[in-house]
Amino acid sequence: MAYKISEDCIMCGACADECPVNAITEGDGVYVIDADSCIDCASCADTCPVGAPSEA
């Protein structure tokens, strides 16, 4: 199951920098994870300072 980024996102970009498959892009006010590209590695969740990414 792919990860999803909640509205808690502070747009710091840490998750996008850590994603090994570049599945995270800047959206409108929050970063967005492409569910088809996400490999469920949890790198984004481990890196996020506010815990915005979680399993969808």
PDB file of N, CA and C in Angstrom:
ATOM      1  N   MET A   1       0.846  -1.180   0.000  1.00  0.00           N
ATOM      2  CA  MET A   1       0.000   0.000   0.000  1.00  0.00           C
ATOM      3  C   MET A   1       0.892   1.244   0.000  1.00  0.00           C
ATOM      4  N   ALA A   2       0.624   2.172  -0.857  1.00  0.00           N
ATOM      5  CA  ALA A   2       1.430   3.381  -0.987  1.00  0.00           C
ATOM      6  C   ALA A   2       1.244   4.317   0.204  1.00  0.00           C
ATOM      7  N   TYR A   3       2.237   5.146   0.407  1.00  0.00           N
ATOM      8  CA  TYR A   3       2.167   6.163   1.453  1.00  0.00           C
ATOM      9  C   TYR A   3       1.436   7.383   0.930  1.00  0.00           C
ATOM     10  N   LYS A   4       0.906   8.185   1.853  1.00  0.00           N
ATOM     11  CA  LYS A   4       0.201   9.410   1.518  1.00  0.00           C
ATOM     12  C   LYS A   4       0.677  10.485   2.490  1.00  0.00           C
ATOM     13  N   ILE A   5       0.739  11.722   2.044  1.00  0.00           N
ATOM     14  CA  ILE A   5       1.191  12.828   2.889  1.00  0.00           C
ATOM     15  C   ILE A   5      -0.022  13.632   3.340  1.00  0.00           C
ATOM     16  N   SER A   6      -0.126  13.825   4.646  1.00  0.00           N
ATOM     17  CA  SER A   6      -1.274  14.533   5.218  1.00  0.00           C
ATOM     18  C   SER A   6      -1.106  16.050   5.128  1.00  0.00           C
ATOM     19  N   GLU A   7      -2.134  16.751   5.537  1.00  0.00           N
ATOM     20  CA  GLU A   7      -2.126  18.213   5.574  1.00  0.00           C
ATOM     21  C   GLU A   7      -1.152  18.760   6.609  1.00  0.00           C
ATOM     22  N   ASP A   8      -0.555  17.889   7.421  1.00  0.00           N
ATOM     23  CA  ASP A   8       0.438  18.315   8.403  1.00  0.00           C
ATOM     24  C   ASP A   8       1.752  18.724   7.740  1.00  0.00           C
ATOM     25  N   CYS A   9       1.885  18.446   6.451  1.00  0.00           N
ATOM     26  CA  CYS A   9       3.103  18.737   5.690  1.00  0.00           C
ATOM     27  C   CYS A   9       3.486  20.212   5.826  1.00  0.00           C
ATOM     28  N   ILE A  10       4.772  20.456   6.112  1.00  0.00           N
ATOM     29  CA  ILE A  10       5.268  21.829   6.231  1.00  0.00           C
ATOM     30  C   ILE A  10       6.111  22.238   5.014  1.00  0.00           C
ATOM     31  N   MET A  11       6.064  21.433   3.955  1.00  0.00           N
ATOM     32  CA  MET A  11       6.750  21.740   2.692  1.00  0.00           C
ATOM     33  C   MET A  11       8.258  21.909   2.846  1.00  0.00           C
ATOM     34  N   CYS A  12       8.876  21.124   3.702  1.00  0.00           N
ATOM     35  CA  CYS A  12      10.322  21.243   3.905  1.00  0.00           C
ATOM     36  C   CYS A  12      11.118  20.514   2.827  1.00  0.00           C
ATOM     37  N   GLY A  13      10.514  19.517   2.170  1.00  0.00           N
ATOM     38  CA  GLY A  13      11.176  18.794   1.097  1.00  0.00           C
ATOM     39  C   GLY A  13      12.039  17.627   1.534  1.00  0.00           C
ATOM     40  N   ALA A  14      12.116  17.373   2.825  1.00  0.00           N
ATOM     41  CA  ALA A  14      12.946  16.274   3.322  1.00  0.00           C
ATOM     42  C   ALA A  14      12.510  14.933   2.744  1.00  0.00           C
ATOM     43  N   CYS A  15      11.227  14.712   2.647  1.00  0.00           N
ATOM     44  CA  CYS A  15      10.711  13.439   2.138  1.00  0.00           C
ATOM     45  C   CYS A  15      11.092  13.234   0.674  1.00  0.00           C
ATOM     46  N   ALA A  16      10.958  14.281  -0.129  1.00  0.00           N
ATOM     47  CA  ALA A  16      11.278  14.186  -1.553  1.00  0.00           C
ATOM     48  C   ALA A  16      12.753  13.888  -1.762  1.00  0.00           C
ATOM     49  N   ASP A  17      13.598  14.480  -0.943  1.00  0.00           N
ATOM     50  CA  ASP A  17      15.044  14.251  -1.048  1.00  0.00           C
ATOM     51  C   ASP A  17      15.418  12.814  -0.711  1.00  0.00           C
ATOM     52  N   GLU A  18      14.654  12.165   0.171  1.00  0.00           N
ATOM     53  CA  GLU A  18      14.971  10.811   0.622  1.00  0.00           C
ATOM     54  C   GLU A  18      14.335   9.705  -0.211  1.00  0.00           C
ATOM     55  N   CYS A  19      13.337  10.028  -1.021  1.00  0.00           N
ATOM     56  CA  CYS A  19      12.621   9.000  -1.777  1.00  0.00           C
ATOM     57  C   CYS A  19      13.532   8.375  -2.835  1.00  0.00           C
ATOM     58  N   PRO A  20      13.780   7.063  -2.747  1.00  0.00           N
ATOM     59  CA  PRO A  20      14.706   6.414  -3.683  1.00  0.00           C
ATOM     60  C   PRO A  20      14.163   6.259  -5.103  1.00  0.00           C
ATOM     61  N   VAL A  21      12.854   6.416  -5.287  1.00  0.00           N
ATOM     62  CA  VAL A  21      12.261   6.260  -6.620  1.00  0.00           C
ATOM     63  C   VAL A  21      11.653   7.569  -7.138  1.00  0.00           C
ATOM     64  N   ASN A  22      11.943   8.677  -6.466  1.00  0.00           N
ATOM     65  CA  ASN A  22      11.450  10.001  -6.872  1.00  0.00           C
ATOM     66  C   ASN A  22       9.937  10.031  -7.066  1.00  0.00           C
ATOM     67  N   ALA A  23       9.217   9.415  -6.129  1.00  0.00           N
ATOM     68  CA  ALA A  23       7.759   9.358  -6.212  1.00  0.00           C
ATOM     69  C   ALA A  23       7.083  10.566  -5.565  1.00  0.00           C
ATOM     70  N   ILE A  24       7.865  11.457  -4.962  1.00  0.00           N
ATOM     71  CA  ILE A  24       7.296  12.583  -4.229  1.00  0.00           C
ATOM     72  C   ILE A  24       7.578  13.887  -4.965  1.00  0.00           C
ATOM     73  N   THR A  25       6.505  14.652  -5.194  1.00  0.00           N
ATOM     74  CA  THR A  25       6.625  15.930  -5.868  1.00  0.00           C
ATOM     75  C   THR A  25       5.899  17.010  -5.074  1.00  0.00           C
ATOM     76  N   GLU A  26       6.238  18.250  -5.372  1.00  0.00           N
ATOM     77  CA  GLU A  26       5.606  19.370  -4.702  1.00  0.00           C
ATOM     78  C   GLU A  26       4.201  19.568  -5.249  1.00  0.00           C
ATOM     79  N   GLY A  27       3.237  19.591  -4.340  1.00  0.00           N
ATOM     80  CA  GLY A  27       1.854  19.813  -4.740  1.00  0.00           C
ATOM     81  C   GLY A  27       1.391  21.192  -4.319  1.00  0.00           C
ATOM     82  N   ASP A  28       0.097  21.369  -4.186  1.00  0.00           N
ATOM     83  CA  ASP A  28      -0.490  22.646  -3.804  1.00  0.00           C
ATOM     84  C   ASP A  28      -0.573  22.725  -2.281  1.00  0.00           C
ATOM     85  N   GLY A  29       0.478  23.205  -1.656  1.00  0.00           N
ATOM     86  CA  GLY A  29       0.500  23.355  -0.201  1.00  0.00           C
ATOM     87  C   GLY A  29       1.048  22.166   0.562  1.00  0.00           C
ATOM     88  N   VAL A  30       1.143  21.022  -0.070  1.00  0.00           N
ATOM     89  CA  VAL A  30       1.725  19.816   0.533  1.00  0.00           C
ATOM     90  C   VAL A  30       2.451  19.026  -0.552  1.00  0.00           C
ATOM     91  N   TYR A  31       3.397  18.210  -0.135  1.00  0.00           N
ATOM     92  CA  TYR A  31       4.028  17.302  -1.092  1.00  0.00           C
ATOM     93  C   TYR A  31       3.077  16.146  -1.374  1.00  0.00           C
ATOM     94  N   VAL A  32       3.218  15.532  -2.548  1.00  0.00           N
ATOM     95  CA  VAL A  32       2.316  14.480  -3.003  1.00  0.00           C
ATOM     96  C   VAL A  32       3.129  13.256  -3.393  1.00  0.00           C
ATOM     97  N   ILE A  33       2.640  12.073  -3.028  1.00  0.00           N
ATOM     98  CA  ILE A  33       3.295  10.821  -3.391  1.00  0.00           C
ATOM     99  C   ILE A  33       2.511  10.146  -4.507  1.00  0.00           C
ATOM    100  N   ASP A  34       3.206   9.790  -5.580  1.00  0.00           N
ATOM    101  CA  ASP A  34       2.590   9.056  -6.683  1.00  0.00           C
ATOM    102  C   ASP A  34       2.440   7.600  -6.250  1.00  0.00           C
ATOM    103  N   ALA A  35       1.218   7.174  -6.040  1.00  0.00           N
ATOM    104  CA  ALA A  35       0.937   5.830  -5.523  1.00  0.00           C
ATOM    105  C   ALA A  35       1.468   4.736  -6.443  1.00  0.00           C
ATOM    106  N   ASP A  36       1.497   4.969  -7.738  1.00  0.00           N
ATOM    107  CA  ASP A  36       1.981   3.961  -8.679  1.00  0.00           C
ATOM    108  C   ASP A  36       3.502   3.792  -8.613  1.00  0.00           C
ATOM    109  N   SER A  37       4.204   4.822  -8.186  1.00  0.00           N
ATOM    110  CA  SER A  37       5.666   4.769  -8.097  1.00  0.00           C
ATOM    111  C   SER A  37       6.162   4.375  -6.713  1.00  0.00           C
ATOM    112  N   CYS A  38       5.368   4.631  -5.693  1.00  0.00           N
ATOM    113  CA  CYS A  38       5.763   4.364  -4.299  1.00  0.00           C
ATOM    114  C   CYS A  38       6.046   2.874  -4.092  1.00  0.00           C
ATOM    115  N   ILE A  39       7.187   2.578  -3.447  1.00  0.00           N
ATOM    116  CA  ILE A  39       7.574   1.184  -3.188  1.00  0.00           C
ATOM    117  C   ILE A  39       7.426   0.809  -1.708  1.00  0.00           C
ATOM    118  N   ASP A  40       6.741   1.624  -0.935  1.00  0.00           N
ATOM    119  CA  ASP A  40       6.462   1.364   0.483  1.00  0.00           C
ATOM    120  C   ASP A  40       7.722   1.157   1.324  1.00  0.00           C
ATOM    121  N   CYS A  41       8.767   1.924   1.044  1.00  0.00           N
ATOM    122  CA  CYS A  41      10.017   1.758   1.777  1.00  0.00           C
ATOM    123  C   CYS A  41      10.032   2.515   3.106  1.00  0.00           C
ATOM    124  N   ALA A  42       9.132   3.483   3.280  1.00  0.00           N
ATOM    125  CA  ALA A  42       8.995   4.285   4.492  1.00  0.00           C
ATOM    126  C   ALA A  42      10.113   5.297   4.707  1.00  0.00           C
ATOM    127  N   SER A  43      10.938   5.524   3.706  1.00  0.00           N
ATOM    128  CA  SER A  43      11.993   6.537   3.833  1.00  0.00           C
ATOM    129  C   SER A  43      11.399   7.913   4.106  1.00  0.00           C
ATOM    130  N   CYS A  44      10.287   8.215   3.473  1.00  0.00           N
ATOM    131  CA  CYS A  44       9.648   9.518   3.668  1.00  0.00           C
ATOM    132  C   CYS A  44       9.153   9.679   5.107  1.00  0.00           C
ATOM    133  N   ALA A  45       8.526   8.647   5.622  1.00  0.00           N
ATOM    134  CA  ALA A  45       8.000   8.701   6.981  1.00  0.00           C
ATOM    135  C   ALA A  45       9.118   8.787   8.015  1.00  0.00           C
ATOM    136  N   ASP A  46      10.213   8.096   7.756  1.00  0.00           N
ATOM    137  CA  ASP A  46      11.341   8.114   8.685  1.00  0.00           C
ATOM    138  C   ASP A  46      12.040   9.465   8.705  1.00  0.00           C
ATOM    139  N   THR A  47      11.952  10.215   7.626  1.00  0.00           N
ATOM    140  CA  THR A  47      12.655  11.492   7.479  1.00  0.00           C
ATOM    141  C   THR A  47      11.823  12.697   7.893  1.00  0.00           C
ATOM    142  N   CYS A  48      10.529  12.616   7.747  1.00  0.00           N
ATOM    143  CA  CYS A  48       9.652  13.773   7.967  1.00  0.00           C
ATOM    144  C   CYS A  48       9.687  14.264   9.427  1.00  0.00           C
ATOM    145  N   PRO A  49       9.967  15.571   9.638  1.00  0.00           N
ATOM    146  CA  PRO A  49      10.030  16.086  11.003  1.00  0.00           C
ATOM    147  C   PRO A  49       8.666  16.230  11.677  1.00  0.00           C
ATOM    148  N   VAL A  50       7.570  16.182  10.906  1.00  0.00           N
ATOM    149  CA  VAL A  50       6.237  16.323  11.499  1.00  0.00           C
ATOM    150  C   VAL A  50       5.372  15.088  11.335  1.00  0.00           C
ATOM    151  N   GLY A  51       5.916  14.015  10.766  1.00  0.00           N
ATOM    152  CA  GLY A  51       5.167  12.774  10.626  1.00  0.00           C
ATOM    153  C   GLY A  51       4.023  12.817   9.613  1.00  0.00           C
ATOM    154  N   ALA A  52       4.149  13.652   8.593  1.00  0.00           N
ATOM    155  CA  ALA A  52       3.059  13.785   7.613  1.00  0.00           C
ATOM    156  C   ALA A  52       2.841  12.544   6.744  1.00  0.00           C
ATOM    157  N   PRO A  53       3.891  11.862   6.291  1.00  0.00           N
ATOM    158  CA  PRO A  53       3.654  10.663   5.466  1.00  0.00           C
ATOM    159  C   PRO A  53       3.213   9.462   6.325  1.00  0.00           C
ATOM    160  N   SER A  54       2.223   8.748   5.813  1.00  0.00           N
ATOM    161  CA  SER A  54       1.784   7.512   6.487  1.00  0.00           C
ATOM    162  C   SER A  54       1.208   6.577   5.438  1.00  0.00           C
ATOM    163  N   GLU A  55       1.044   5.324   5.817  1.00  0.00           N
ATOM    164  CA  GLU A  55       0.482   4.356   4.884  1.00  0.00           C
ATOM    165  C   GLU A  55      -0.968   4.727   4.594  1.00  0.00           C
ATOM    166  N   ALA A  56      -1.315   4.735   3.336  1.00  0.00           N
ATOM    167  CA  ALA A  56      -2.678   5.118   2.930  1.00  0.00           C
ATOM    168  C   ALA A  56      -3.665   4.014   3.222  1.00  0.00           C
TER     169      ALA A  56
END
